[in-house]
């Protein structure tokens, strides 16, 4: 028996390297440069300018006096006979919008006189609910929150 000799196969590496370099040049020349972030025009959302500047602290203090008068941060609001409280409602709505724009919680502290009518407290709580304010607390007898 005669043994058949197989011809040895040689791999030519030089043409493969040439093809790789040609592909590399092709991809480099045809790719688009990425636009850096600093070159993009971008505008940030803003808030609607108000006609008057309104400085409101993080927490509003509502005082309900013996006669039913409502005082917000030393400013008397609405008449004693009014149960709808339109001035208080507008002020609370603006306070809620400002707190939402500042991404903070609108907080109200009620300081109710011992001799105040309970219906007046309910009217104020209704105004807070209509304005969308949920953070309502009652001040204790010494003026501290319970």
Protein backbone atom coordinates (compact mmCIF):
# COMPACT_ATOMS: atom_id res chain seq x y z
CA UNK A 1 0.00 0.00 0.00
CA UNK A 2 1.12 3.32 -0.99
CA UNK A 3 0.63 6.25 1.20
CA UNK A 4 -0.89 9.37 -0.33
CA UNK A 5 0.68 12.57 0.70
CA UNK A 6 -1.60 15.51 1.15
CA UNK A 7 -0.33 18.85 -0.01
CA UNK A 8 0.21 21.22 2.88
CA UNK A 9 -2.11 24.24 2.89
CA UNK A 10 -0.52 27.56 3.73
CA UNK A 11 -2.44 30.58 4.93
CA UNK A 12 -1.40 33.88 3.37
CA UNK A 13 -1.65 36.52 6.13
CA UNK A 14 -0.39 39.58 4.21
CA UNK A 15 -3.52 39.93 1.98
CA UNK A 16 -5.75 39.57 5.08
CA UNK A 17 -3.95 42.43 6.81
CA UNK A 18 -4.34 44.58 3.69
CA UNK A 19 -8.08 43.91 3.60
CA UNK A 20 -8.39 44.78 7.32
CA UNK A 21 -6.63 48.11 6.81
CA UNK A 22 -8.85 48.93 3.82
CA UNK A 23 -12.00 48.21 5.87
CA UNK A 24 -10.67 50.29 8.76
CA UNK A 25 -10.02 53.29 6.47
CA UNK A 26 -13.44 52.89 4.87
CA UNK A 27 -15.26 53.00 8.25
CA UNK A 28 -13.19 55.93 9.52
CA UNK A 29 -13.84 58.02 6.41
CA UNK A 30 -17.56 57.27 6.15
CA UNK A 31 -18.51 57.72 9.82
CA UNK A 32 -20.05 61.00 10.94
CA UNK A 33 -18.56 62.83 13.90
CA UNK A 34 -20.79 62.94 16.99
CA UNK A 35 -22.02 66.39 17.91
CA UNK A 36 -20.90 67.25 21.46
CA UNK A 37 -23.56 68.07 24.04
CA UNK A 38 -22.32 71.59 24.58
CA UNK A 39 -23.13 72.50 20.97
CA UNK A 40 -26.82 71.55 21.26
CA UNK A 41 -29.28 74.36 21.72
CA UNK A 42 -31.56 73.68 24.65
CA UNK A 43 -34.08 75.75 26.55
CA UNK A 44 -35.25 74.89 30.04
CA UNK A 45 -38.90 75.15 31.03
CA UNK A 46 -39.74 78.20 33.09
CA UNK A 47 -42.56 79.49 35.20
CA UNK A 48 -45.12 82.08 34.27
CA UNK A 49 -44.10 85.50 35.58
CA UNK A 50 -46.47 86.96 38.14
CA UNK A 51 -47.71 90.53 38.14
CA UNK A 52 -46.76 90.95 41.79
CA UNK A 53 -43.98 89.34 43.72
CA UNK A 54 -45.36 87.19 46.48
CA UNK A 55 -43.03 86.09 49.24
CA UNK A 56 -44.52 83.09 50.96
CA UNK A 57 -42.73 81.07 53.63
CA UNK A 58 -42.77 77.27 53.55
CA UNK A 59 -45.56 77.15 56.13
CA UNK A 60 -48.60 79.39 56.46
CA UNK A 61 -50.13 80.04 59.86
CA UNK A 62 -53.90 80.60 59.97
CA UNK A 63 -55.36 82.07 63.15
CA UNK A 64 -59.10 81.79 63.80
CA UNK A 65 -60.03 84.35 66.44
CA UNK A 66 -62.90 84.29 68.96
CA UNK A 67 -65.17 86.39 66.75
CA UNK A 68 -64.53 84.20 63.66
CA UNK A 69 -62.02 86.53 61.96
CA UNK A 70 -59.38 84.63 59.97
CA UNK A 71 -55.83 85.99 60.10
CA UNK A 72 -53.15 84.66 57.75
CA UNK A 73 -49.62 85.62 58.84
CA UNK A 74 -50.89 88.78 60.64
CA UNK A 75 -53.12 89.73 57.67
CA UNK A 76 -56.91 89.65 58.30
CA UNK A 77 -58.85 87.95 55.48
CA UNK A 78 -62.54 87.96 54.50
CA UNK A 79 -65.45 89.17 56.57
CA UNK A 80 -66.74 87.42 59.65
CA UNK A 81 -70.08 86.60 58.00
CA UNK A 82 -68.59 85.02 54.85
CA UNK A 83 -68.63 81.21 54.80
CA UNK A 84 -67.17 80.82 51.28
CA UNK A 85 -63.94 82.73 52.17
CA UNK A 86 -63.03 83.86 48.60
CA UNK A 87 -59.92 85.86 49.60
CA UNK A 88 -58.56 83.00 51.69
CA UNK A 89 -59.31 80.52 48.90
CA UNK A 90 -57.44 82.62 46.28
CA UNK A 91 -54.48 83.05 48.63
CA UNK A 92 -54.35 79.32 49.38
CA UNK A 93 -54.55 78.44 45.67
CA UNK A 94 -51.62 80.78 44.90
CA UNK A 95 -49.71 79.30 47.84
CA UNK A 96 -50.33 75.77 46.52
CA UNK A 97 -49.22 76.75 42.97
CA UNK A 98 -46.06 78.36 44.34
CA UNK A 99 -45.28 75.33 46.49
CA UNK A 100 -45.79 73.04 43.48
CA UNK A 101 -43.52 75.21 41.33
CA UNK A 102 -40.84 75.02 44.04
CA UNK A 103 -41.43 71.27 44.39
CA UNK A 104 -42.21 71.56 48.08
CA UNK A 105 -45.21 70.63 50.16
CA UNK A 106 -47.79 73.28 51.02
CA UNK A 107 -48.21 73.28 54.80
CA UNK A 108 -50.89 75.08 56.82
CA UNK A 109 -50.98 75.36 60.61
CA UNK A 110 -54.35 76.23 62.13
CA UNK A 111 -54.24 78.10 65.42
CA UNK A 112 -57.84 78.07 66.61
CA UNK A 113 -59.04 80.10 69.56
CA UNK A 114 -60.80 78.12 72.28
CA UNK A 115 -63.96 80.21 71.87
CA UNK A 116 -64.08 80.04 68.05
CA UNK A 117 -67.14 78.55 66.37
CA UNK A 118 -66.56 75.07 65.02
CA UNK A 119 -68.30 75.91 61.74
CA UNK A 120 -65.56 78.49 61.05
CA UNK A 121 -62.91 75.77 61.41
CA UNK A 122 -64.87 73.59 58.98
CA UNK A 123 -65.08 76.53 56.52
CA UNK A 124 -61.29 76.97 56.65
CA UNK A 125 -60.71 73.23 56.21
CA UNK A 126 -63.06 73.27 53.19
CA UNK A 127 -61.07 76.15 51.69
CA UNK A 128 -57.84 74.18 52.20
CA UNK A 129 -59.37 71.11 50.55
CA UNK A 130 -60.67 73.17 47.61
CA UNK A 131 -57.19 74.67 47.14
CA UNK A 132 -55.70 71.14 47.12
CA UNK A 133 -53.69 71.53 50.33
CA UNK A 134 -53.44 68.32 52.32
CA UNK A 135 -50.74 69.28 54.83
CA UNK A 136 -52.97 70.85 57.51
CA UNK A 137 -52.03 70.65 61.21
CA UNK A 138 -53.48 72.17 64.35
CA UNK A 139 -51.40 74.19 66.79
CA UNK A 140 -51.64 73.17 70.43
CA UNK A 141 -52.66 75.40 73.35
CA UNK A 142 -49.07 76.59 73.81
CA UNK A 143 -48.69 77.47 70.12
CA UNK A 144 -46.72 74.32 69.29
CA UNK A 145 -47.90 71.75 66.76
CA UNK A 146 -49.44 68.51 68.02
